[in-house]
Protein backbone atom coordinates (compact mmCIF):
# COMPACT_ATOMS: atom_id res chain seq x y z
CA MET A 1 -17.26 -61.45 -99.38
CA ARG A 2 -16.32 -62.42 -95.83
CA ILE A 3 -16.81 -66.11 -95.20
CA GLU A 4 -16.18 -67.89 -92.00
CA CYS A 5 -16.48 -71.56 -90.74
CA ILE A 6 -17.41 -72.62 -87.34
CA ALA A 7 -16.61 -76.27 -86.35
CA ILE A 8 -18.73 -77.19 -83.33
CA GLY A 9 -18.01 -79.98 -80.92
CA THR A 10 -15.97 -80.30 -77.61
CA GLU A 11 -14.17 -83.27 -79.17
CA LEU A 12 -12.61 -80.88 -81.67
CA LEU A 13 -10.69 -79.25 -78.81
CA THR A 14 -8.90 -82.40 -77.79
CA THR A 15 -5.95 -84.04 -79.49
CA ARG A 16 -7.92 -87.12 -80.52
CA ARG A 17 -10.30 -85.52 -83.05
CA LEU A 18 -9.22 -83.32 -85.93
CA ASP A 19 -11.33 -80.81 -87.58
CA THR A 20 -11.19 -82.12 -91.13
CA ASN A 21 -14.58 -80.58 -92.17
CA SER A 22 -13.39 -77.12 -92.34
CA VAL A 23 -10.29 -78.07 -94.46
CA TRP A 24 -12.56 -79.82 -96.94
CA LEU A 25 -15.12 -76.96 -97.12
CA ALA A 26 -12.22 -74.51 -97.60
CA GLU A 27 -11.06 -76.58 -100.60
CA ARG A 28 -14.54 -76.61 -102.09
CA LEU A 29 -14.84 -72.92 -101.61
CA ALA A 30 -11.63 -72.34 -103.34
CA GLU A 31 -12.88 -74.22 -106.35
CA LEU A 32 -15.57 -71.55 -106.53
CA GLY A 33 -13.06 -68.67 -106.19
CA LEU A 34 -14.13 -68.05 -102.63
CA GLY A 35 -11.95 -68.19 -99.58
CA LEU A 36 -12.38 -68.45 -95.78
CA SER A 37 -11.66 -65.28 -93.84
CA LEU A 38 -11.89 -67.03 -90.41
CA LYS A 39 -12.12 -70.56 -89.05
CA THR A 40 -13.10 -71.29 -85.42
CA ALA A 41 -13.41 -74.48 -83.39
CA VAL A 42 -15.75 -74.27 -80.42
CA GLY A 43 -16.95 -76.68 -77.78
CA ASP A 44 -20.62 -77.56 -76.81
CA SER A 45 -20.96 -74.65 -74.48
CA ARG A 46 -24.06 -72.55 -74.97
CA GLU A 47 -22.27 -69.38 -73.72
CA ASP A 48 -19.19 -69.88 -76.06
CA LEU A 49 -21.31 -70.75 -79.07
CA ALA A 50 -23.67 -67.76 -78.56
CA GLU A 51 -20.67 -65.50 -78.35
CA VAL A 52 -19.13 -66.95 -81.60
CA PHE A 53 -22.52 -66.90 -83.41
CA ARG A 54 -23.25 -63.21 -82.51
CA ALA A 55 -19.80 -62.13 -83.63
CA ALA A 56 -20.06 -64.12 -86.88
CA LEU A 57 -23.51 -62.53 -87.72
CA GLU A 58 -21.89 -59.02 -87.37
CA ARG A 59 -18.84 -59.65 -89.41
CA SER A 60 -19.44 -62.26 -92.12
CA ASP A 61 -21.68 -62.57 -95.28
CA LEU A 62 -21.58 -66.31 -95.29
CA ILE A 63 -21.31 -68.41 -92.18
CA LEU A 64 -20.81 -72.18 -92.34
CA THR A 65 -21.18 -74.37 -89.39
CA THR A 66 -20.51 -78.10 -88.93
CA GLY A 67 -21.85 -80.06 -85.98
CA GLY A 68 -24.43 -79.63 -83.38
CA LEU A 69 -27.50 -80.91 -85.53
CA GLY A 70 -27.79 -84.26 -83.79
CA PRO A 71 -30.44 -85.59 -81.46
CA THR A 72 -28.60 -85.43 -78.23
CA PHE A 73 -28.67 -82.81 -75.40
CA ASP A 74 -25.31 -81.30 -76.46
CA ASP A 75 -26.64 -80.49 -80.06
CA PHE A 76 -28.16 -77.11 -80.24
CA THR A 77 -26.74 -75.21 -83.18
CA LYS A 78 -30.16 -74.49 -84.76
CA GLU A 79 -31.74 -73.81 -81.40
CA LEU A 80 -29.19 -71.28 -80.35
CA PHE A 81 -29.26 -69.39 -83.83
CA ALA A 82 -33.01 -69.28 -83.58
CA GLU A 83 -32.86 -67.95 -80.06
CA ILE A 84 -30.31 -65.26 -80.89
CA LEU A 85 -32.27 -64.06 -83.91
CA GLY A 86 -35.58 -64.20 -82.09
CA VAL A 87 -37.48 -66.78 -84.15
CA PRO A 88 -39.25 -69.96 -83.27
CA LEU A 89 -38.47 -73.55 -84.54
CA ARG A 90 -41.02 -75.24 -86.78
CA GLU A 91 -41.13 -78.88 -87.67
CA ASP A 92 -40.35 -79.57 -91.21
CA ALA A 93 -42.66 -82.27 -92.57
CA GLN A 94 -40.16 -83.71 -95.07
CA SER A 95 -37.42 -83.87 -92.50
CA ARG A 96 -39.69 -85.85 -90.16
CA ALA A 97 -40.68 -88.13 -92.99
CA ASP A 98 -37.04 -88.66 -93.84
CA ILE A 99 -36.19 -89.64 -90.25
CA LEU A 100 -38.97 -92.18 -90.11
CA ALA A 101 -37.96 -93.61 -93.48
CA PHE A 102 -34.41 -93.86 -92.33
CA TYR A 103 -35.37 -96.02 -89.31
CA GLU A 104 -37.97 -97.99 -91.11
CA ALA A 105 -35.31 -99.14 -93.71
CA ARG A 106 -33.30 -100.47 -90.76
CA GLN A 107 -36.37 -101.98 -89.09
CA ARG A 108 -36.02 -99.84 -86.01
CA VAL A 109 -38.15 -97.31 -84.24
CA PRO A 110 -36.69 -93.76 -83.88
CA PRO A 111 -36.32 -92.55 -80.32
CA PRO A 112 -38.46 -89.49 -79.61
CA ALA A 113 -35.44 -87.28 -79.35
CA ASN A 114 -34.58 -87.83 -82.98
CA PHE A 115 -37.52 -85.77 -84.04
CA LYS A 116 -35.98 -82.63 -82.65
CA GLN A 117 -33.80 -82.91 -85.73
CA ALA A 118 -36.73 -81.93 -87.91
CA LEU A 119 -37.14 -78.60 -86.17
CA ILE A 120 -36.01 -75.79 -88.42
CA PRO A 121 -35.85 -72.01 -87.66
CA GLU A 122 -38.81 -70.21 -89.09
CA GLY A 123 -37.63 -68.47 -92.32
CA ALA A 124 -34.92 -71.06 -92.96
CA VAL A 125 -34.91 -73.99 -95.39
CA ALA A 126 -34.13 -77.62 -94.56
CA LEU A 127 -31.52 -79.39 -96.57
CA ARG A 128 -32.32 -83.13 -96.96
CA ASN A 129 -29.78 -85.59 -95.57
CA GLN A 130 -29.72 -88.65 -97.88
CA VAL A 131 -27.31 -90.59 -95.65
CA GLY A 132 -28.26 -89.67 -92.08
CA THR A 133 -30.97 -88.21 -90.02
CA ALA A 134 -29.90 -84.64 -89.34
CA PRO A 135 -31.05 -82.20 -92.03
CA GLY A 136 -28.95 -79.22 -92.78
CA VAL A 137 -30.15 -75.70 -92.84
CA LEU A 138 -29.87 -72.83 -95.29
CA TRP A 139 -30.95 -69.41 -93.88
CA VAL A 140 -30.78 -66.46 -96.17
CA ASP A 141 -31.41 -62.95 -94.85
CA PRO A 142 -31.95 -63.89 -91.28
CA PRO A 143 -33.85 -61.23 -89.20
CA GLY A 144 -31.69 -58.13 -88.86
CA HIS A 145 -28.94 -59.30 -91.07
CA PRO A 146 -29.87 -58.73 -94.77
CA GLY A 147 -27.40 -60.08 -97.16
CA THR A 148 -26.23 -62.70 -94.71
CA ARG A 149 -26.35 -66.50 -95.45
CA ILE A 150 -26.07 -69.30 -92.89
CA LEU A 151 -25.39 -72.83 -93.89
CA MET A 152 -25.50 -75.44 -91.10
CA PHE A 153 -24.12 -78.87 -91.88
CA PRO A 154 -24.04 -82.14 -89.86
CA GLY A 155 -20.62 -82.89 -88.33
CA VAL A 156 -20.44 -86.40 -89.83
CA PRO A 157 -18.00 -85.93 -92.74
CA ARG A 158 -19.84 -88.10 -95.25
CA GLU A 159 -23.24 -86.43 -94.53
CA MET A 160 -21.72 -82.98 -94.75
CA LYS A 161 -20.03 -83.80 -98.05
CA ARG A 162 -23.23 -85.29 -99.63
CA MET A 163 -25.18 -82.22 -98.54
CA TRP A 164 -22.55 -79.81 -99.97
CA GLU A 165 -22.68 -81.53 -103.35
CA GLU A 166 -26.43 -81.85 -103.53
CA HIS A 167 -27.73 -78.74 -101.89
CA ALA A 168 -25.05 -76.11 -100.94
CA LEU A 169 -23.03 -76.02 -104.11
CA PRO A 170 -26.00 -75.31 -106.49
CA ARG A 171 -26.96 -72.40 -104.15
CA LEU A 172 -23.50 -70.88 -103.79
CA ARG A 173 -22.58 -71.00 -107.56
CA SER A 174 -24.02 -67.49 -108.17
CA LEU A 175 -21.52 -66.14 -105.59
CA ALA A 176 -18.52 -67.74 -107.30
CA GLY A 177 -15.56 -65.69 -108.39
CA ARG A 178 -12.61 -66.72 -110.38
CA PRO A 179 -11.79 -70.37 -109.44
CA VAL A 180 -8.61 -70.93 -107.39
CA HIS A 181 -6.49 -73.87 -108.58
CA THR A 182 -4.16 -75.98 -106.49
CA LEU A 183 -0.85 -77.64 -107.20
CA ARG A 184 -0.29 -80.37 -104.60
CA LEU A 185 3.01 -82.10 -104.43
CA VAL A 186 3.25 -84.99 -102.00
CA VAL A 187 6.77 -85.75 -100.61
CA GLY A 188 7.83 -88.84 -98.69
CA GLY A 189 10.76 -89.15 -96.23
CA VAL A 190 11.65 -85.50 -96.16
CA PRO A 191 11.25 -83.37 -93.02
CA GLU A 192 9.16 -80.15 -93.24
CA SER A 193 12.11 -77.88 -92.47
CA THR A 194 14.29 -79.58 -95.10
CA LEU A 195 11.60 -79.21 -97.76
CA ASP A 196 11.17 -75.60 -96.85
CA GLN A 197 14.91 -74.86 -97.32
CA ARG A 198 15.24 -76.91 -100.45
CA THR A 199 12.34 -75.30 -102.33
CA GLN A 200 12.97 -71.68 -101.16
CA GLU A 201 14.62 -70.50 -104.35
CA LEU A 202 12.02 -71.95 -106.65
CA ARG A 203 9.08 -70.67 -104.44
CA GLU A 204 10.59 -67.20 -104.69
CA ARG A 205 10.95 -67.63 -108.48
CA HIS A 206 7.13 -68.51 -108.55
CA GLY A 207 6.18 -65.92 -106.00
CA GLN A 208 2.99 -64.96 -107.74
CA LEU A 209 1.50 -68.23 -106.25
CA ASP A 210 0.37 -68.71 -102.71
CA TRP A 211 2.68 -71.31 -101.20
CA THR A 212 2.05 -73.59 -98.11
CA ILE A 213 3.87 -76.56 -96.63
CA LEU A 214 1.66 -79.00 -94.70
CA ALA A 215 3.32 -81.71 -92.47
CA SER A 216 1.57 -84.69 -91.03
CA LEU A 217 2.80 -87.77 -89.31
CA THR A 218 3.02 -89.68 -92.63
CA GLN A 219 4.05 -87.13 -95.42
CA VAL A 220 4.72 -83.65 -96.26
CA GLU A 221 2.71 -81.68 -98.81
CA LEU A 222 3.92 -78.66 -100.80
CA LEU A 223 0.91 -76.60 -101.99
CA ALA A 224 0.67 -73.71 -104.44
CA ARG A 225 -2.57 -71.88 -105.14
CA GLY A 226 -3.45 -69.46 -107.79
CA ASP A 227 -6.05 -68.47 -110.35
CA ASP A 228 -3.75 -69.04 -113.37
CA PRO A 229 -3.55 -72.76 -114.32
CA VAL A 230 -0.57 -71.96 -116.65
CA ALA A 231 1.48 -70.58 -113.88
CA LEU A 232 0.85 -73.63 -111.76
CA GLU A 233 1.78 -75.84 -114.58
CA ARG A 234 5.03 -73.97 -114.98
CA ALA A 235 5.79 -74.41 -111.32
CA ARG A 236 5.14 -78.10 -111.57
CA ALA A 237 7.56 -78.48 -114.36
CA ASP A 238 10.21 -76.79 -112.27
CA PHE A 239 9.55 -78.63 -109.05
CA GLU A 240 9.28 -82.24 -110.30
CA PRO A 241 13.02 -82.53 -111.24
CA LEU A 242 14.11 -80.65 -108.01
CA LEU A 243 12.18 -83.08 -105.78
CA ASP A 244 12.98 -86.11 -107.99
CA ALA A 245 12.79 -89.34 -106.08
CA ASP A 246 11.39 -87.73 -102.95
CA LEU A 247 8.19 -86.85 -104.95
CA ALA A 248 5.48 -89.45 -104.20
CA CYS A 249 2.61 -87.99 -106.30
CA VAL A 250 1.17 -84.77 -107.79
CA GLY A 251 -2.45 -83.84 -107.17
CA GLU A 252 -4.77 -86.19 -105.36
CA GLY A 253 -3.48 -89.22 -103.39
CA ASN A 254 -1.10 -90.13 -100.71
CA LEU A 255 1.82 -92.51 -100.12
CA GLU A 256 -0.36 -95.60 -100.23
CA ASP A 257 -1.91 -94.46 -103.48
CA ALA A 258 1.50 -93.88 -105.05
CA VAL A 259 2.71 -97.39 -103.92
CA LEU A 260 -0.48 -99.07 -105.35
CA ASP A 261 -0.38 -97.09 -108.51
CA ARG A 262 3.25 -98.09 -109.21
CA LEU A 263 2.63 -101.75 -108.38
CA LYS A 264 -0.34 -101.89 -110.86
CA VAL A 265 1.67 -100.15 -113.50
CA ARG A 266 4.42 -102.74 -113.15
CA GLY A 267 1.99 -105.67 -112.82
CA GLU A 268 3.54 -106.51 -109.41
CA THR A 269 2.04 -107.63 -106.04
CA LEU A 270 2.66 -106.94 -102.38
CA ALA A 271 2.40 -108.94 -99.18
CA VAL A 272 3.09 -107.47 -95.63
CA ALA A 273 4.17 -108.80 -92.28
CA GLU A 274 3.42 -106.52 -89.31
CA SER A 275 4.50 -106.69 -85.71
CA MET A 276 4.74 -103.16 -84.18
CA THR A 277 2.11 -101.60 -86.45
CA GLY A 278 -0.51 -104.24 -85.65
CA GLY A 279 -2.20 -104.19 -89.06
CA LEU A 280 -2.12 -100.57 -89.64
CA LEU A 281 -0.05 -100.88 -92.77
CA ALA A 282 -2.54 -103.24 -94.35
CA SER A 283 -5.42 -100.98 -93.20
CA ARG A 284 -3.91 -98.00 -95.04
CA LEU A 285 -3.49 -99.97 -98.19
CA THR A 286 -7.01 -101.55 -98.17
CA ALA A 287 -8.61 -98.20 -97.58
CA ILE A 288 -7.78 -97.42 -101.23
CA PRO A 289 -10.41 -98.68 -103.61
CA GLY A 290 -9.02 -101.22 -106.00
CA ALA A 291 -6.13 -102.15 -103.71
CA SER A 292 -6.77 -105.83 -104.45
CA ALA A 293 -5.25 -105.48 -107.89
CA ALA A 294 -1.76 -105.30 -106.21
CA PHE A 295 -2.19 -106.04 -102.52
CA LEU A 296 -2.46 -109.76 -101.76
CA GLY A 297 -2.70 -109.49 -97.95
CA GLY A 298 -0.54 -110.01 -94.93
CA ALA A 299 0.02 -111.25 -91.43
CA THR A 300 -0.15 -109.45 -88.09
CA VAL A 301 2.56 -111.33 -86.28
CA TYR A 302 2.61 -109.38 -82.99
CA SER A 303 4.05 -112.17 -80.82
CA ALA A 304 6.92 -114.64 -81.26
CA GLN A 305 4.47 -117.32 -81.29
CA ALA A 306 2.66 -115.74 -84.29
CA LYS A 307 5.90 -115.11 -86.15
CA SER A 308 6.70 -118.91 -85.79
CA ALA A 309 3.18 -120.29 -86.39
CA LEU A 310 2.04 -118.04 -89.23
CA LEU A 311 5.34 -117.47 -91.07
CA GLY A 312 7.47 -120.27 -90.00
CA LEU A 313 10.32 -118.28 -88.20
CA ASP A 314 12.41 -120.58 -86.06
CA PRO A 315 11.79 -120.02 -82.40
CA ALA A 316 15.48 -120.55 -81.61
CA THR A 317 16.57 -117.98 -84.11
CA LEU A 318 13.95 -115.50 -82.75
CA ALA A 319 15.27 -116.01 -79.31
CA THR A 320 18.80 -115.22 -80.55
CA GLU A 321 18.02 -112.37 -82.91
CA GLY A 322 15.07 -110.95 -80.97
CA THR A 323 11.45 -110.38 -82.00
CA VAL A 324 12.37 -106.68 -82.58
CA SER A 325 15.33 -106.55 -84.82
CA GLU A 326 16.39 -105.74 -88.39
CA ALA A 327 17.38 -109.39 -88.88
CA THR A 328 13.75 -110.50 -87.82
CA SER A 329 12.21 -107.94 -90.13
CA ARG A 330 14.22 -109.44 -92.98
CA ARG A 331 13.15 -113.02 -92.19
CA LEU A 332 9.41 -111.83 -91.99
CA ALA A 333 9.65 -109.91 -95.35
CA GLU A 334 11.10 -113.03 -97.03
CA ALA A 335 8.70 -115.42 -95.42
CA VAL A 336 5.41 -113.40 -96.24
CA ARG A 337 6.59 -112.91 -99.84
CA ALA A 338 7.13 -116.69 -100.27
CA LYS A 339 3.92 -117.59 -98.37
CA LEU A 340 1.68 -115.47 -100.56
CA GLY A 341 3.65 -115.66 -103.69
CA ALA A 342 4.01 -111.82 -103.91
CA THR A 343 6.54 -109.88 -105.98
CA TRP A 344 7.39 -107.98 -102.89
CA GLY A 345 7.34 -108.64 -99.19
CA LEU A 346 7.35 -105.66 -96.71
CA ALA A 347 7.81 -106.16 -92.95
CA VAL A 348 8.01 -104.00 -89.95
CA THR A 349 9.07 -104.70 -86.32
CA GLY A 350 9.90 -102.09 -83.69
CA ASN A 351 9.09 -100.55 -80.38
CA ALA A 352 6.24 -98.16 -80.17
CA GLY A 353 6.42 -97.87 -76.37
CA PRO A 354 5.67 -97.00 -73.74
CA GLY A 355 8.34 -99.22 -72.30
CA ALA A 356 11.60 -100.92 -73.48
CA GLU A 357 11.45 -103.80 -75.97
CA GLY A 358 14.78 -105.77 -75.57
CA ASP A 359 17.61 -103.57 -76.87
CA ALA A 360 15.25 -101.33 -78.96
CA PRO A 361 14.41 -97.95 -77.45
CA VAL A 362 10.98 -96.46 -77.95
CA GLY A 363 10.63 -95.19 -81.48
CA THR A 364 12.72 -97.85 -83.11
CA VAL A 365 11.35 -98.96 -86.45
CA HIS A 366 13.03 -101.99 -88.23
CA LEU A 367 11.88 -102.22 -91.93
CA ALA A 368 12.69 -104.91 -94.62
CA LEU A 369 11.70 -105.17 -98.15
CA ALA A 370 12.18 -108.47 -99.96
CA GLY A 371 12.16 -108.65 -103.78
CA GLN A 372 13.40 -110.78 -106.61
CA ASP A 373 16.79 -109.13 -106.43
CA GLY A 374 17.23 -109.71 -102.62
CA THR A 375 16.30 -107.98 -99.40
CA ASP A 376 16.82 -104.38 -98.26
CA SER A 377 16.46 -103.42 -94.67
CA ARG A 378 16.61 -100.17 -92.76
CA THR A 379 16.34 -98.94 -89.15
CA PHE A 380 14.75 -95.70 -88.17
CA HIS A 381 14.20 -93.84 -84.88
CA VAL A 382 10.99 -91.79 -84.91
CA PRO A 383 9.48 -89.44 -82.33
CA GLY A 384 6.07 -89.55 -80.84
CA ASP A 385 3.70 -91.42 -78.53
CA ARG A 386 2.75 -95.08 -79.28
CA SER A 387 0.12 -94.33 -81.96
CA GLU A 388 2.34 -91.66 -83.64
CA VAL A 389 5.31 -94.18 -83.79
CA GLN A 390 3.11 -96.80 -85.28
CA LEU A 391 1.76 -94.39 -87.90
CA ARG A 392 5.19 -93.10 -88.68
CA GLY A 393 6.40 -96.58 -89.10
CA THR A 394 3.75 -97.38 -91.78
CA ALA A 395 4.84 -94.27 -93.56
CA ARG A 396 8.48 -95.20 -93.47
CA ALA A 397 7.55 -98.74 -94.71
CA LEU A 398 5.48 -97.30 -97.61
CA ASP A 399 8.15 -94.89 -98.58
CA LEU A 400 10.81 -97.55 -98.73
CA LEU A 401 8.74 -99.59 -101.10
CA ARG A 402 7.71 -96.48 -103.23
CA ARG A 403 11.46 -95.64 -103.70
CA ALA A 404 12.23 -99.25 -104.75
CA LEU A 405 9.50 -99.21 -107.32
CA GLY A 406 10.93 -96.02 -108.89
CA PRO A 407 9.10 -93.13 -110.54
CA GLY A 408 5.68 -93.53 -112.03
CA GLY A 409 2.01 -92.87 -111.44
CA ARG A 410 2.47 -89.25 -110.77
């Protein structure tokens, strides 16, 4: 079976919005023993979309689309498919009722444009949206394409995921093959190329598995896929000692999950002081459900005034040591730890750019970790623009703490 996914939206063609929907759908398909043959991102151009849709109808058995089901002028996924396949759009009574109920629950009146979302191509089925106003569409055997299935999802991730679980998954189970299992090893503080070289021999030894290395601004993932769970478990047993302290977690989770899990197991707590990262470190931690069991809170001390007023740093010392320095990070880590009575205090200062910050060039990250046995501090130089340096800074901070906490929670 040939399956393709079409991610729709001009915003997906910029550097500010990533197509995470297709990745998520590919993972769900793999659980069914199905795999994507092709993935396309296309902007809100009728001409470009029509070309992609026509090609998909000719080459694929299952077509998944995300986006273009909203109420605005640049949402025309359903309309274009209907036009290409030569069928009219009909209002679905249940979809209209759902839109009215959605707005009524919020004591608002829906704009007239919203009701275009209730229009469904004739011969297709509307998939109810329990968390939004855009119904999805399932079209089996569209005109001229027997054996083809089209599944149209909203572009909003939480709406798409809910719709997959409630409507798409039950309808696709009959197509399932042998499930594909995944071994996911999350590594912190190791470059992608280093991990590639370091794991080459073991990957070749487990060559029956499909291997991938994925790198982001915060971590690197080593993925193995296969239909034999025993083979994956053997690989895990070999790779864990090889990666050793660099291994943050196995399976679901990221660096912040690993840190919080270790803190909870040890019965310890964390407080943070952030300058350069502006609260991003705390945001990453509090995005994890149950973070309050270990994360007490922190302070965004972006200015010298805040460092003094909130955490008691001496202005004269700041003037001497600089607001961006390893020494200041150490003082901040110790101060926030004492202020909140935490087991650990973690602090970050640095220069995310675009200009100079004292003696610190752009990309400088000063970290400090204060604990009952003293304070450890490190200085890193990371690449990227302002937002990338900030994100990499939080990753370095989390990894510093993770290593100090030792193994566990894998």
